[in-house]
Amino acid sequence: MGLFDFVKDIGKKIFGKEEEAPEALKQHIEKDNPGVHNLQIAVKEGVATVKGEADSTSAREKVILMVGNALGIREVVADELTVSSVGTAPESAEEAEFYVIEKGDTLSAIAKRFYGDANKYPLIFEANREVIQDPNLIFPGQKIRIPKQS
């Protein structure tokens, strides 16, 4: 589970030139820090390599999505983005699945598809708050987490 594909020409514009990418992506993640420490990012030819320690599996996934959903990133390598075993409850790696938003999708339609209830869209929004700033502003090609229902 170390390599994640994304759409390079779609996403939030976080950096201009690739040489600016590591620092800009790091600042972007630290602004809404989902629970990651000792973060290091390198970018070469649209491939971001992310290293550090996440507090949980969901924090790890959020960092990967925050980096991958940036305009100009086509892959994220996260072999060295580990999950801390100190001070956190064990979390299953199967807790969420990923979904690539398609043209015409809404969070309500995605919730209906995965949960059978459009009104459960806040579950998806909350699980992706670092990636989706406004539940009405999602875009085709964006990759998000679909958490399992409790």
C-alpha atoms as a PDB file:
ATOM      1  CA  MET A   1       0.000   0.000   0.000  1.00  0.00           C
ATOM      2  CA  GLY A   2       2.796   2.387  -0.840  1.00  0.00           C
ATOM      3  CA  LEU A   3       1.868   3.845  -4.239  1.00  0.00           C
ATOM      4  CA  PHE A   4      -1.294   5.815  -4.952  1.00  0.00           C
ATOM      5  CA  ASP A   5      -2.318   7.136  -8.383  1.00  0.00           C
ATOM      6  CA  PHE A   6      -3.960  10.516  -8.916  1.00  0.00           C
ATOM      7  CA  VAL A   7      -4.922  12.733 -11.850  1.00  0.00           C
ATOM      8  CA  LYS A   8      -2.025  15.166 -12.369  1.00  0.00           C
ATOM      9  CA  ASP A   9      -4.000  17.844 -14.205  1.00  0.00           C
ATOM     10  CA  ILE A  10      -6.817  18.040 -11.672  1.00  0.00           C
ATOM     11  CA  GLY A  11      -6.702  19.324  -8.131  1.00  0.00           C
ATOM     12  CA  LYS A  12      -6.121  22.239  -5.861  1.00  0.00           C
ATOM     13  CA  LYS A  13      -3.328  24.577  -6.967  1.00  0.00           C
ATOM     14  CA  ILE A  14      -0.916  24.545  -4.050  1.00  0.00           C
ATOM     15  CA  PHE A  15       2.383  25.229  -5.793  1.00  0.00           C
ATOM     16  CA  GLY A  16       3.602  26.808  -9.015  1.00  0.00           C
ATOM     17  CA  LYS A  17       6.905  25.198  -9.960  1.00  0.00           C
ATOM     18  CA  GLU A  18       7.794  21.659  -8.963  1.00  0.00           C
ATOM     19  CA  GLU A  19      10.778  22.842  -6.935  1.00  0.00           C
ATOM     20  CA  GLU A  20       8.317  24.778  -4.721  1.00  0.00           C
ATOM     21  CA  ALA A  21       6.138  21.693  -4.222  1.00  0.00           C
ATOM     22  CA  PRO A  22       7.734  20.009  -1.180  1.00  0.00           C
ATOM     23  CA  GLU A  23       7.568  23.075   1.061  1.00  0.00           C
ATOM     24  CA  ALA A  24       4.153  24.201  -0.242  1.00  0.00           C
ATOM     25  CA  LEU A  25       2.660  20.724   0.264  1.00  0.00           C
ATOM     26  CA  LYS A  26       4.172  20.473   3.735  1.00  0.00           C
ATOM     27  CA  GLN A  27       2.658  23.843   4.719  1.00  0.00           C
ATOM     28  CA  HIS A  28      -0.691  22.787   3.226  1.00  0.00           C
ATOM     29  CA  ILE A  29      -0.748  19.630   5.355  1.00  0.00           C
ATOM     30  CA  GLU A  30       0.508  21.297   8.515  1.00  0.00           C
ATOM     31  CA  LYS A  31      -2.199  23.978   8.237  1.00  0.00           C
ATOM     32  CA  ASP A  32      -4.929  21.348   8.693  1.00  0.00           C
ATOM     33  CA  ASN A  33      -2.671  18.750  10.294  1.00  0.00           C
ATOM     34  CA  PRO A  34      -4.666  15.508  10.421  1.00  0.00           C
ATOM     35  CA  GLY A  35      -2.162  13.982  12.866  1.00  0.00           C
ATOM     36  CA  VAL A  36       1.264  13.598  11.270  1.00  0.00           C
ATOM     37  CA  HIS A  37       4.749  14.246  12.671  1.00  0.00           C
ATOM     38  CA  ASN A  38       8.247  14.569  11.196  1.00  0.00           C
ATOM     39  CA  LEU A  39       6.724  15.124   7.768  1.00  0.00           C
ATOM     40  CA  GLN A  40       9.096  15.091   4.797  1.00  0.00           C
ATOM     41  CA  ILE A  41       8.015  15.465   1.173  1.00  0.00           C
ATOM     42  CA  ALA A  42      10.006  15.216  -2.040  1.00  0.00           C
ATOM     43  CA  VAL A  43       8.558  15.750  -5.534  1.00  0.00           C
ATOM     44  CA  LYS A  44      10.098  14.722  -8.838  1.00  0.00           C
ATOM     45  CA  GLU A  45       8.273  14.613 -12.186  1.00  0.00           C
ATOM     46  CA  GLY A  46       4.844  14.638 -10.508  1.00  0.00           C
ATOM     47  CA  VAL A  47       5.677  11.847  -8.053  1.00  0.00           C
ATOM     48  CA  ALA A  48       5.503  12.865  -4.394  1.00  0.00           C
ATOM     49  CA  THR A  49       7.360  10.774  -1.837  1.00  0.00           C
ATOM     50  CA  VAL A  50       5.977  11.263   1.661  1.00  0.00           C
ATOM     51  CA  LYS A  51       7.749  10.246   4.863  1.00  0.00           C
ATOM     52  CA  GLY A  52       6.820  10.718   8.494  1.00  0.00           C
ATOM     53  CA  GLU A  53       4.706   9.267  11.244  1.00  0.00           C
ATOM     54  CA  ALA A  54       0.912   9.392  11.365  1.00  0.00           C
ATOM     55  CA  ASP A  55      -1.153   9.049  14.538  1.00  0.00           C
ATOM     56  CA  SER A  56      -3.634   6.700  12.849  1.00  0.00           C
ATOM     57  CA  THR A  57      -4.460   4.967   9.581  1.00  0.00           C
ATOM     58  CA  SER A  58      -7.026   7.657   8.798  1.00  0.00           C
ATOM     59  CA  ALA A  59      -4.418  10.402   9.380  1.00  0.00           C
ATOM     60  CA  ARG A  60      -2.045   8.576   7.013  1.00  0.00           C
ATOM     61  CA  GLU A  61      -4.764   8.313   4.367  1.00  0.00           C
ATOM     62  CA  LYS A  62      -5.663  12.001   4.756  1.00  0.00           C
ATOM     63  CA  VAL A  63      -2.051  13.075   4.215  1.00  0.00           C
ATOM     64  CA  ILE A  64      -1.839  10.927   1.080  1.00  0.00           C
ATOM     65  CA  LEU A  65      -5.075  12.440  -0.243  1.00  0.00           C
ATOM     66  CA  MET A  66      -4.023  15.997   0.613  1.00  0.00           C
ATOM     67  CA  VAL A  67      -0.797  15.538  -1.357  1.00  0.00           C
ATOM     68  CA  GLY A  68      -2.333  13.537  -4.209  1.00  0.00           C
ATOM     69  CA  ASN A  69      -5.234  15.893  -4.783  1.00  0.00           C
ATOM     70  CA  ALA A  70      -2.835  18.766  -5.447  1.00  0.00           C
ATOM     71  CA  LEU A  71      -2.584  19.974  -9.029  1.00  0.00           C
ATOM     72  CA  GLY A  72       0.626  18.602 -10.553  1.00  0.00           C
ATOM     73  CA  ILE A  73       0.837  15.385  -8.500  1.00  0.00           C
ATOM     74  CA  ARG A  74       0.193  12.115 -10.351  1.00  0.00           C
ATOM     75  CA  GLU A  75       1.444   9.605  -7.795  1.00  0.00           C
ATOM     76  CA  VAL A  76       2.132   9.473  -4.085  1.00  0.00           C
ATOM     77  CA  VAL A  77       4.671   7.025  -2.678  1.00  0.00           C
ATOM     78  CA  ALA A  78       4.038   6.570   1.028  1.00  0.00           C
ATOM     79  CA  ASP A  79       6.063   3.480   1.990  1.00  0.00           C
ATOM     80  CA  GLU A  80       7.784   5.469   4.723  1.00  0.00           C
ATOM     81  CA  LEU A  81       4.674   7.217   6.063  1.00  0.00           C
ATOM     82  CA  THR A  82       4.134   4.948   9.022  1.00  0.00           C
ATOM     83  CA  VAL A  83       1.367   4.709  11.614  1.00  0.00           C
ATOM     84  CA  SER A  84       2.452   5.237  15.200  1.00  0.00           C
ATOM     85  CA  SER A  85       1.649   2.507  17.662  1.00  0.00           C
ATOM     86  CA  VAL A  86       2.166   4.776  20.658  1.00  0.00           C
ATOM     87  CA  GLY A  87      -0.853   6.330  22.329  1.00  0.00           C
ATOM     88  CA  THR A  88      -3.429   5.428  19.704  1.00  0.00           C
ATOM     89  CA  ALA A  89      -6.035   2.736  19.549  1.00  0.00           C
ATOM     90  CA  PRO A  90      -5.388   0.100  16.890  1.00  0.00           C
ATOM     91  CA  GLU A  91      -7.124   0.960  13.668  1.00  0.00           C
ATOM     92  CA  SER A  92      -7.873  -1.424  10.845  1.00  0.00           C
ATOM     93  CA  ALA A  93      -6.297  -0.658   7.483  1.00  0.00           C
ATOM     94  CA  GLU A  94      -9.666  -1.647   6.013  1.00  0.00           C
ATOM     95  CA  GLU A  95     -11.569   1.178   7.752  1.00  0.00           C
ATOM     96  CA  ALA A  96     -12.131   3.201   4.601  1.00  0.00           C
ATOM     97  CA  GLU A  97     -12.105   2.702   0.890  1.00  0.00           C
ATOM     98  CA  PHE A  98     -11.158   5.245  -1.727  1.00  0.00           C
ATOM     99  CA  TYR A  99     -13.434   6.698  -4.389  1.00  0.00           C
ATOM    100  CA  VAL A 100     -12.640   8.878  -7.400  1.00  0.00           C
ATOM    101  CA  ILE A 101     -15.307  11.519  -7.910  1.00  0.00           C
ATOM    102  CA  GLU A 102     -16.982  11.379 -11.310  1.00  0.00           C
ATOM    103  CA  LYS A 103     -18.676  14.097 -13.329  1.00  0.00           C
ATOM    104  CA  GLY A 104     -22.117  14.820 -11.885  1.00  0.00           C
ATOM    105  CA  ASP A 105     -21.356  13.346  -8.454  1.00  0.00           C
ATOM    106  CA  THR A 106     -22.485  15.021  -5.258  1.00  0.00           C
ATOM    107  CA  LEU A 107     -21.625  13.942  -1.738  1.00  0.00           C
ATOM    108  CA  SER A 108     -25.299  13.023  -1.294  1.00  0.00           C
ATOM    109  CA  ALA A 109     -25.242  10.792  -4.380  1.00  0.00           C
ATOM    110  CA  ILE A 110     -22.011   9.161  -3.196  1.00  0.00           C
ATOM    111  CA  ALA A 111     -23.552   8.562   0.262  1.00  0.00           C
ATOM    112  CA  LYS A 112     -26.619   7.013  -1.382  1.00  0.00           C
ATOM    113  CA  ARG A 113     -24.371   4.744  -3.446  1.00  0.00           C
ATOM    114  CA  PHE A 114     -22.216   3.550  -0.524  1.00  0.00           C
ATOM    115  CA  TYR A 115     -24.632   3.742   2.418  1.00  0.00           C
ATOM    116  CA  GLY A 116     -28.051   3.573   0.787  1.00  0.00           C
ATOM    117  CA  ASP A 117     -28.924   6.954   2.347  1.00  0.00           C
ATOM    118  CA  ALA A 118     -28.156  10.329   0.756  1.00  0.00           C
ATOM    119  CA  ASN A 119     -28.538  12.036   4.142  1.00  0.00           C
ATOM    120  CA  LYS A 120     -25.352  10.338   5.363  1.00  0.00           C
ATOM    121  CA  TYR A 121     -23.188  12.602   3.197  1.00  0.00           C
ATOM    122  CA  PRO A 122     -21.803  14.349   6.347  1.00  0.00           C
ATOM    123  CA  LEU A 123     -19.934  11.104   7.182  1.00  0.00           C
ATOM    124  CA  ILE A 124     -18.044  11.425   3.902  1.00  0.00           C
ATOM    125  CA  PHE A 125     -17.522  15.170   4.306  1.00  0.00           C
ATOM    126  CA  GLU A 126     -16.121  14.807   7.850  1.00  0.00           C
ATOM    127  CA  ALA A 127     -13.778  11.994   6.756  1.00  0.00           C
ATOM    128  CA  ASN A 128     -12.398  14.285   4.022  1.00  0.00           C
ATOM    129  CA  ARG A 129     -12.477  17.706   5.684  1.00  0.00           C
ATOM    130  CA  GLU A 130      -8.785  18.282   4.908  1.00  0.00           C
ATOM    131  CA  VAL A 131      -9.411  17.540   1.218  1.00  0.00           C
ATOM    132  CA  ILE A 132     -12.936  18.945   0.783  1.00  0.00           C
ATOM    133  CA  GLN A 133     -13.357  22.453   2.188  1.00  0.00           C
ATOM    134  CA  ASP A 134     -16.990  22.840   1.090  1.00  0.00           C
ATOM    135  CA  PRO A 135     -19.339  19.859   0.586  1.00  0.00           C
ATOM    136  CA  ASN A 136     -20.792  21.597  -2.474  1.00  0.00           C
ATOM    137  CA  LEU A 137     -17.390  21.999  -4.135  1.00  0.00           C
ATOM    138  CA  ILE A 138     -16.063  18.633  -5.254  1.00  0.00           C
ATOM    139  CA  PHE A 139     -14.571  17.948  -8.659  1.00  0.00           C
ATOM    140  CA  PRO A 140     -14.211  15.017 -11.066  1.00  0.00           C
ATOM    141  CA  GLY A 141     -10.950  13.174 -10.566  1.00  0.00           C
ATOM    142  CA  GLN A 142     -10.662  14.093  -6.894  1.00  0.00           C
ATOM    143  CA  LYS A 143      -9.945  11.064  -4.721  1.00  0.00           C
ATOM    144  CA  ILE A 144     -11.656  10.803  -1.337  1.00  0.00           C
ATOM    145  CA  ARG A 145     -12.072   8.371   1.575  1.00  0.00           C
ATOM    146  CA  ILE A 146     -15.354   6.538   2.123  1.00  0.00           C
ATOM    147  CA  PRO A 147     -15.379   5.516   5.779  1.00  0.00           C
ATOM    148  CA  LYS A 148     -17.188   2.407   6.945  1.00  0.00           C
ATOM    149  CA  GLN A 149     -20.373   3.049   8.868  1.00  0.00           C
ATOM    150  CA  SER A 150     -20.116   2.633  12.619  1.00  0.00           C
END
